[in-house]
Amino acid sequence: MRRGLAIGLVSGWVAIAVIFAALSAFYGEPAYLWVGAVCLLAMAAGDSVLWLGIRPPVLKADSLTVTYSWFFRTQRVPRTEVAEIRKGEILGARRSAARVHSYAFGLANGKVAFTIQGAMFRSEDIDEFRRRLGVAESTSVQNPP
């Protein structure tokens, strides 16, 4: 999907550049090149937001940190501080909203470093991630009704 999206975005940029270069050459007006440059800048900004918005969330761990990034938000926690990964449910934005499966990354002091939506990752993948990190087994937690 990423490769196809990148090809589509770049081909759109090339088409705009060729159209405005042809207009400038045909009419002999350099103003068309400036208008084309402004259009390309606007397209690049919009495409960057689109690219960041539709990419899937990334959860990764290296030797020093555990990183979760999605859309414009990136959260990092030192790997040595992650003590457990709990699977549970959290309430939605409103009380009438359905409960959402989530994973909470807990620190050794009992605080939650960050939570991720369970729908974004398979439970087998999170279990494997937990084993590679060497953290405690998850326990099911729920918010009170």
N, C-alpha and C. Protein backbone atom coordinates (compact mmCIF):
# COMPACT_ATOMS: atom_id res chain seq x y z
N MET A 1 0.83 -1.19 0.00
CA MET A 1 0.00 0.00 0.00
C MET A 1 0.87 1.25 0.00
N ARG A 2 1.91 1.25 0.80
CA ARG A 2 2.77 2.43 0.88
C ARG A 2 3.43 2.74 -0.46
N ARG A 3 3.88 1.71 -1.14
CA ARG A 3 4.57 1.93 -2.41
C ARG A 3 3.61 2.50 -3.45
N GLY A 4 2.41 1.96 -3.51
CA GLY A 4 1.41 2.46 -4.45
C GLY A 4 1.02 3.90 -4.15
N LEU A 5 0.88 4.23 -2.87
CA LEU A 5 0.56 5.59 -2.49
C LEU A 5 1.68 6.54 -2.87
N ALA A 6 2.91 6.14 -2.64
CA ALA A 6 4.06 6.98 -2.98
C ALA A 6 4.14 7.20 -4.50
N ILE A 7 3.89 6.16 -5.27
CA ILE A 7 3.92 6.30 -6.74
C ILE A 7 2.82 7.25 -7.19
N GLY A 8 1.64 7.14 -6.59
CA GLY A 8 0.54 8.03 -6.95
C GLY A 8 0.83 9.48 -6.59
N LEU A 9 1.40 9.71 -5.42
CA LEU A 9 1.72 11.08 -5.01
C LEU A 9 2.78 11.70 -5.91
N VAL A 10 3.83 10.95 -6.18
CA VAL A 10 4.92 11.48 -7.00
C VAL A 10 4.46 11.70 -8.44
N SER A 11 3.65 10.80 -8.96
CA SER A 11 3.18 11.00 -10.34
C SER A 11 2.28 12.22 -10.44
N GLY A 12 1.52 12.53 -9.40
CA GLY A 12 0.72 13.75 -9.38
C GLY A 12 1.59 14.99 -9.38
N TRP A 13 2.68 14.96 -8.61
CA TRP A 13 3.61 16.10 -8.58
C TRP A 13 4.26 16.30 -9.95
N VAL A 14 4.67 15.21 -10.56
CA VAL A 14 5.32 15.30 -11.88
C VAL A 14 4.33 15.84 -12.92
N ALA A 15 3.09 15.39 -12.87
CA ALA A 15 2.09 15.86 -13.83
C ALA A 15 1.86 17.36 -13.68
N ILE A 16 1.75 17.85 -12.45
CA ILE A 16 1.56 19.29 -12.22
C ILE A 16 2.76 20.07 -12.74
N ALA A 17 3.98 19.58 -12.45
CA ALA A 17 5.19 20.28 -12.90
C ALA A 17 5.25 20.33 -14.42
N VAL A 18 4.91 19.24 -15.08
CA VAL A 18 4.95 19.20 -16.55
C VAL A 18 3.90 20.13 -17.14
N ILE A 19 2.71 20.16 -16.57
CA ILE A 19 1.64 21.02 -17.09
C ILE A 19 2.03 22.49 -16.99
N PHE A 20 2.54 22.92 -15.83
CA PHE A 20 2.90 24.33 -15.68
C PHE A 20 4.15 24.69 -16.49
N ALA A 21 5.09 23.75 -16.64
CA ALA A 21 6.26 24.02 -17.49
C ALA A 21 5.83 24.15 -18.95
N ALA A 22 4.88 23.32 -19.39
CA ALA A 22 4.37 23.41 -20.76
C ALA A 22 3.62 24.71 -20.98
N LEU A 23 2.81 25.13 -19.99
CA LEU A 23 2.10 26.41 -20.11
C LEU A 23 3.08 27.57 -20.20
N SER A 24 4.12 27.52 -19.39
CA SER A 24 5.13 28.58 -19.42
C SER A 24 5.86 28.62 -20.75
N ALA A 25 6.19 27.46 -21.29
CA ALA A 25 6.89 27.42 -22.58
C ALA A 25 5.97 27.84 -23.72
N PHE A 26 4.71 27.43 -23.67
CA PHE A 26 3.78 27.72 -24.76
C PHE A 26 3.44 29.21 -24.82
N TYR A 27 3.14 29.81 -23.64
CA TYR A 27 2.75 31.22 -23.61
C TYR A 27 3.93 32.17 -23.39
N GLY A 28 5.09 31.64 -23.05
CA GLY A 28 6.25 32.49 -22.83
C GLY A 28 6.15 33.33 -21.58
N GLU A 29 5.35 32.91 -20.64
CA GLU A 29 5.16 33.64 -19.38
C GLU A 29 5.82 32.87 -18.23
N PRO A 30 6.82 33.46 -17.57
CA PRO A 30 7.43 32.77 -16.42
C PRO A 30 6.52 32.72 -15.20
N ALA A 31 5.44 33.49 -15.20
CA ALA A 31 4.51 33.48 -14.07
C ALA A 31 3.89 32.10 -13.87
N TYR A 32 3.73 31.35 -14.96
CA TYR A 32 3.18 30.00 -14.84
C TYR A 32 4.09 29.10 -14.00
N LEU A 33 5.40 29.32 -14.10
CA LEU A 33 6.32 28.53 -13.28
C LEU A 33 6.15 28.84 -11.80
N TRP A 34 5.93 30.12 -11.47
CA TRP A 34 5.71 30.49 -10.07
C TRP A 34 4.39 29.90 -9.55
N VAL A 35 3.36 29.96 -10.36
CA VAL A 35 2.07 29.38 -9.95
C VAL A 35 2.23 27.87 -9.78
N GLY A 36 2.96 27.23 -10.68
CA GLY A 36 3.20 25.79 -10.55
C GLY A 36 3.99 25.46 -9.29
N ALA A 37 4.98 26.30 -8.95
CA ALA A 37 5.77 26.06 -7.73
C ALA A 37 4.90 26.19 -6.49
N VAL A 38 4.01 27.19 -6.47
CA VAL A 38 3.11 27.35 -5.32
C VAL A 38 2.16 26.15 -5.22
N CYS A 39 1.65 25.68 -6.35
CA CYS A 39 0.77 24.50 -6.35
C CYS A 39 1.51 23.26 -5.83
N LEU A 40 2.76 23.10 -6.26
CA LEU A 40 3.54 21.95 -5.80
C LEU A 40 3.80 22.02 -4.30
N LEU A 41 4.08 23.22 -3.78
CA LEU A 41 4.28 23.36 -2.33
C LEU A 41 3.01 23.03 -1.56
N ALA A 42 1.87 23.50 -2.07
CA ALA A 42 0.59 23.20 -1.41
C ALA A 42 0.30 21.70 -1.47
N MET A 43 0.58 21.09 -2.60
CA MET A 43 0.36 19.64 -2.72
C MET A 43 1.29 18.86 -1.79
N ALA A 44 2.55 19.29 -1.68
CA ALA A 44 3.50 18.60 -0.82
C ALA A 44 3.05 18.67 0.64
N ALA A 45 2.56 19.83 1.06
CA ALA A 45 2.08 19.96 2.44
C ALA A 45 0.86 19.07 2.69
N GLY A 46 -0.10 19.10 1.77
CA GLY A 46 -1.29 18.26 1.92
C GLY A 46 -0.97 16.78 1.87
N ASP A 47 -0.08 16.40 0.97
CA ASP A 47 0.29 14.99 0.85
C ASP A 47 1.05 14.50 2.08
N SER A 48 1.84 15.38 2.68
CA SER A 48 2.56 14.99 3.90
C SER A 48 1.60 14.70 5.03
N VAL A 49 0.60 15.56 5.18
CA VAL A 49 -0.42 15.33 6.21
C VAL A 49 -1.17 14.04 5.91
N LEU A 50 -1.52 13.83 4.66
CA LEU A 50 -2.21 12.60 4.26
C LEU A 50 -1.34 11.38 4.54
N TRP A 51 -0.08 11.45 4.20
CA TRP A 51 0.85 10.33 4.39
C TRP A 51 0.96 9.98 5.88
N LEU A 52 1.09 10.99 6.73
CA LEU A 52 1.19 10.73 8.16
C LEU A 52 -0.13 10.24 8.74
N GLY A 53 -1.24 10.69 8.17
CA GLY A 53 -2.54 10.34 8.72
C GLY A 53 -2.99 8.93 8.42
N ILE A 54 -2.57 8.36 7.30
CA ILE A 54 -3.09 7.04 6.94
C ILE A 54 -2.10 5.91 7.22
N ARG A 55 -0.92 6.25 7.69
CA ARG A 55 0.02 5.17 7.97
C ARG A 55 -0.41 4.44 9.24
N PRO A 56 -0.14 3.17 9.34
CA PRO A 56 -0.53 2.42 10.53
C PRO A 56 0.34 2.80 11.72
N PRO A 57 -0.14 2.56 12.93
CA PRO A 57 0.68 2.86 14.10
C PRO A 57 1.90 1.94 14.16
N VAL A 58 2.97 2.43 14.76
CA VAL A 58 4.21 1.67 14.84
C VAL A 58 4.57 1.51 16.30
N LEU A 59 4.77 0.27 16.71
CA LEU A 59 5.24 -0.05 18.05
C LEU A 59 6.55 -0.80 17.90
N LYS A 60 7.63 -0.23 18.43
CA LYS A 60 8.92 -0.89 18.27
C LYS A 60 9.75 -0.69 19.52
N ALA A 61 10.73 -1.57 19.67
CA ALA A 61 11.63 -1.49 20.81
C ALA A 61 13.05 -1.72 20.31
N ASP A 62 13.94 -0.86 20.74
CA ASP A 62 15.35 -1.08 20.46
C ASP A 62 16.04 -1.36 21.79
N SER A 63 17.33 -1.29 21.83
CA SER A 63 18.04 -1.64 23.05
C SER A 63 17.83 -0.62 24.16
N LEU A 64 17.39 0.59 23.83
CA LEU A 64 17.23 1.63 24.84
C LEU A 64 15.79 2.04 25.12
N THR A 65 14.95 2.10 24.11
CA THR A 65 13.60 2.65 24.29
C THR A 65 12.52 1.77 23.66
N VAL A 66 11.32 1.95 24.17
CA VAL A 66 10.11 1.41 23.55
C VAL A 66 9.38 2.62 22.98
N THR A 67 9.07 2.57 21.68
CA THR A 67 8.49 3.71 20.99
C THR A 67 7.16 3.33 20.36
N TYR A 68 6.17 4.20 20.55
CA TYR A 68 4.86 4.04 19.91
C TYR A 68 4.58 5.33 19.17
N SER A 69 4.40 5.24 17.86
CA SER A 69 4.09 6.44 17.08
C SER A 69 2.89 6.19 16.20
N TRP A 70 2.02 7.18 16.18
CA TRP A 70 0.82 7.12 15.36
C TRP A 70 0.39 8.54 15.07
N PHE A 71 0.13 8.81 13.84
CA PHE A 71 -0.23 10.13 13.33
C PHE A 71 0.87 11.11 13.71
N PHE A 72 0.60 12.16 14.45
CA PHE A 72 1.63 13.14 14.79
C PHE A 72 2.18 12.95 16.19
N ARG A 73 1.82 11.87 16.86
CA ARG A 73 2.22 11.68 18.25
C ARG A 73 3.20 10.51 18.36
N THR A 74 4.32 10.76 19.02
CA THR A 74 5.31 9.72 19.28
C THR A 74 5.60 9.71 20.77
N GLN A 75 5.50 8.53 21.37
CA GLN A 75 5.76 8.39 22.80
C GLN A 75 6.91 7.41 22.99
N ARG A 76 7.87 7.80 23.82
CA ARG A 76 9.03 6.97 24.09
C ARG A 76 9.16 6.73 25.59
N VAL A 77 9.52 5.50 25.93
CA VAL A 77 9.76 5.13 27.32
C VAL A 77 11.05 4.33 27.35
N PRO A 78 11.93 4.59 28.32
CA PRO A 78 13.12 3.74 28.43
C PRO A 78 12.72 2.28 28.61
N ARG A 79 13.39 1.42 27.90
CA ARG A 79 13.04 -0.01 27.91
C ARG A 79 13.14 -0.61 29.30
N THR A 80 14.09 -0.16 30.09
CA THR A 80 14.28 -0.72 31.43
C THR A 80 13.16 -0.35 32.38
N GLU A 81 12.38 0.70 32.05
CA GLU A 81 11.30 1.12 32.94
C GLU A 81 9.98 0.40 32.68
N VAL A 82 9.83 -0.26 31.53
CA VAL A 82 8.58 -0.97 31.22
C VAL A 82 8.55 -2.25 32.04
N ALA A 83 7.56 -2.35 32.93
CA ALA A 83 7.48 -3.50 33.82
C ALA A 83 6.41 -4.51 33.39
N GLU A 84 5.35 -4.03 32.74
CA GLU A 84 4.28 -4.93 32.34
C GLU A 84 3.48 -4.33 31.20
N ILE A 85 2.80 -5.21 30.49
CA ILE A 85 1.87 -4.80 29.44
C ILE A 85 0.54 -5.44 29.79
N ARG A 86 -0.44 -4.62 30.09
CA ARG A 86 -1.74 -5.13 30.51
C ARG A 86 -2.75 -5.00 29.39
N LYS A 87 -3.53 -6.06 29.23
CA LYS A 87 -4.64 -6.02 28.28
C LYS A 87 -5.90 -5.71 29.06
N GLY A 88 -6.68 -4.78 28.57
CA GLY A 88 -7.90 -4.43 29.29
C GLY A 88 -8.86 -3.68 28.41
N GLU A 89 -9.77 -2.96 29.05
CA GLU A 89 -10.74 -2.17 28.34
C GLU A 89 -10.74 -0.77 28.94
N ILE A 90 -10.93 0.19 28.08
CA ILE A 90 -11.09 1.56 28.55
C ILE A 90 -12.38 2.10 27.98
N LEU A 91 -12.93 3.08 28.64
CA LEU A 91 -14.15 3.70 28.14
C LEU A 91 -13.83 4.62 27.00
N GLY A 92 -14.78 4.80 26.12
CA GLY A 92 -14.62 5.76 25.04
C GLY A 92 -14.68 7.17 25.57
N ALA A 93 -14.80 8.13 24.68
CA ALA A 93 -14.80 9.54 25.08
C ALA A 93 -16.03 9.89 25.92
N ARG A 94 -17.15 9.23 25.67
CA ARG A 94 -18.36 9.49 26.42
C ARG A 94 -18.77 8.25 27.18
N ARG A 95 -19.56 8.43 28.20
CA ARG A 95 -20.00 7.29 29.01
C ARG A 95 -20.86 6.32 28.20
N SER A 96 -21.56 6.83 27.20
CA SER A 96 -22.42 5.95 26.41
C SER A 96 -21.64 5.21 25.33
N ALA A 97 -20.38 5.56 25.16
CA ALA A 97 -19.58 4.92 24.12
C ALA A 97 -19.23 3.49 24.51
N ALA A 98 -19.01 2.68 23.52
CA ALA A 98 -18.65 1.28 23.76
C ALA A 98 -17.24 1.20 24.36
N ARG A 99 -17.00 0.12 25.05
CA ARG A 99 -15.67 -0.09 25.61
C ARG A 99 -14.71 -0.50 24.49
N VAL A 100 -13.47 -0.07 24.62
CA VAL A 100 -12.47 -0.30 23.60
C VAL A 100 -11.35 -1.15 24.21
N HIS A 101 -10.97 -2.23 23.53
CA HIS A 101 -9.85 -3.04 23.99
C HIS A 101 -8.58 -2.24 23.84
N SER A 102 -7.71 -2.36 24.84
CA SER A 102 -6.48 -1.59 24.80
C SER A 102 -5.37 -2.36 25.50
N TYR A 103 -4.16 -1.88 25.31
CA TYR A 103 -2.99 -2.40 26.00
C TYR A 103 -2.34 -1.23 26.72
N ALA A 104 -2.09 -1.39 28.01
CA ALA A 104 -1.44 -0.35 28.80
C ALA A 104 -0.02 -0.80 29.13
N PHE A 105 0.92 0.06 28.85
CA PHE A 105 2.32 -0.20 29.15
C PHE A 105 2.63 0.41 30.50
N GLY A 106 2.80 -0.46 31.50
CA GLY A 106 2.99 -0.01 32.87
C GLY A 106 4.45 0.09 33.26
N LEU A 107 4.74 1.09 34.08
CA LEU A 107 6.09 1.29 34.58
C LEU A 107 6.26 0.58 35.91
N ALA A 108 7.48 0.50 36.38
CA ALA A 108 7.77 -0.19 37.64
C ALA A 108 7.14 0.52 38.84
N ASN A 109 6.95 1.84 38.74
CA ASN A 109 6.37 2.58 39.86
C ASN A 109 4.84 2.53 39.87
N GLY A 110 4.22 1.78 38.99
CA GLY A 110 2.78 1.62 38.96
C GLY A 110 2.05 2.55 38.02
N LYS A 111 2.73 3.51 37.45
CA LYS A 111 2.09 4.43 36.52
C LYS A 111 2.03 3.82 35.12
N VAL A 112 1.11 4.35 34.32
CA VAL A 112 0.96 3.90 32.94
C VAL A 112 1.73 4.86 32.04
N ALA A 113 2.65 4.31 31.26
CA ALA A 113 3.45 5.15 30.35
C ALA A 113 2.60 5.60 29.17
N PHE A 114 1.92 4.66 28.51
CA PHE A 114 1.01 4.98 27.42
C PHE A 114 0.11 3.80 27.17
N THR A 115 -0.99 4.06 26.48
CA THR A 115 -1.93 3.00 26.10
C THR A 115 -2.06 3.00 24.59
N ILE A 116 -2.31 1.83 24.05
CA ILE A 116 -2.54 1.72 22.61
C ILE A 116 -3.85 0.96 22.40
N GLN A 117 -4.51 1.22 21.30
CA GLN A 117 -5.76 0.55 21.01
C GLN A 117 -5.50 -0.89 20.61
N GLY A 118 -6.30 -1.78 21.17
CA GLY A 118 -6.14 -3.20 20.88
C GLY A 118 -6.51 -3.57 19.46
N ALA A 119 -7.35 -2.78 18.82
CA ALA A 119 -7.77 -3.08 17.46
C ALA A 119 -6.64 -2.89 16.45
N MET A 120 -5.63 -2.15 16.83
CA MET A 120 -4.53 -1.88 15.91
C MET A 120 -3.50 -3.02 15.84
N PHE A 121 -3.46 -3.86 16.87
CA PHE A 121 -2.47 -4.93 16.93
C PHE A 121 -3.15 -6.23 17.33
N ARG A 122 -2.69 -7.34 16.77
CA ARG A 122 -3.21 -8.64 17.16
C ARG A 122 -2.67 -9.01 18.53
N SER A 123 -3.44 -9.76 19.31
CA SER A 123 -2.99 -10.13 20.65
C SER A 123 -1.76 -11.03 20.60
N GLU A 124 -1.63 -11.86 19.55
CA GLU A 124 -0.45 -12.70 19.42
C GLU A 124 0.81 -11.85 19.22
N ASP A 125 0.67 -10.76 18.47
CA ASP A 125 1.81 -9.88 18.24
C ASP A 125 2.23 -9.17 19.52
N ILE A 126 1.26 -8.73 20.31
CA ILE A 126 1.58 -8.08 21.58
C ILE A 126 2.21 -9.08 22.54
N ASP A 127 1.71 -10.34 22.55
CA ASP A 127 2.31 -11.36 23.41
C ASP A 127 3.76 -11.62 23.02
N GLU A 128 4.04 -11.69 21.73
CA GLU A 128 5.41 -11.87 21.26
C GLU A 128 6.28 -10.66 21.61
N PHE A 129 5.73 -9.47 21.47
CA PHE A 129 6.44 -8.25 21.83
C PHE A 129 6.78 -8.26 23.32
N ARG A 130 5.82 -8.70 24.13
CA ARG A 130 6.04 -8.78 25.58
C ARG A 130 7.14 -9.79 25.91
N ARG A 131 7.14 -10.93 25.23
CA ARG A 131 8.17 -11.94 25.48
C ARG A 131 9.56 -11.41 25.10
N ARG A 132 9.64 -10.72 23.97
CA ARG A 132 10.94 -10.18 23.57
C ARG A 132 11.43 -9.10 24.52
N LEU A 133 10.50 -8.33 25.09
CA LEU A 133 10.89 -7.31 26.07
C LEU A 133 11.25 -7.93 27.41
N GLY A 134 10.68 -9.09 27.69
CA GLY A 134 10.93 -9.74 28.97
C GLY A 134 10.17 -9.10 30.11
N VAL A 135 8.94 -8.64 29.85
CA VAL A 135 8.14 -8.01 30.90
C VAL A 135 7.08 -8.98 31.40
N ALA A 136 6.40 -8.60 32.48
CA ALA A 136 5.43 -9.47 33.14
C ALA A 136 4.24 -9.79 32.24
N GLU A 137 3.62 -10.92 32.52
CA GLU A 137 2.42 -11.34 31.80
C GLU A 137 1.30 -10.34 32.06
N SER A 138 0.40 -10.24 31.10
CA SER A 138 -0.69 -9.27 31.24
C SER A 138 -1.78 -9.84 32.12
N THR A 139 -2.47 -8.93 32.78
CA THR A 139 -3.67 -9.29 33.52
C THR A 139 -4.78 -8.40 33.00
N SER A 140 -5.97 -8.94 32.94
CA SER A 140 -7.08 -8.18 32.41
C SER A 140 -7.53 -7.13 33.43
N VAL A 141 -7.65 -5.90 32.99
CA VAL A 141 -8.13 -4.82 33.84
C VAL A 141 -9.28 -4.15 33.14
N GLN A 142 -10.17 -3.57 33.94
CA GLN A 142 -11.31 -2.85 33.38
C GLN A 142 -11.52 -1.60 34.18
N ASN A 143 -12.00 -0.56 33.52
CA ASN A 143 -12.42 0.64 34.22
C ASN A 143 -13.72 0.35 34.93
N PRO A 144 -13.96 0.95 36.07
CA PRO A 144 -15.26 0.74 36.72
C PRO A 144 -16.38 1.35 35.90
N PRO A 145 -17.58 0.75 35.93
CA PRO A 145 -18.69 1.26 35.11
C PRO A 145 -19.16 2.63 35.55
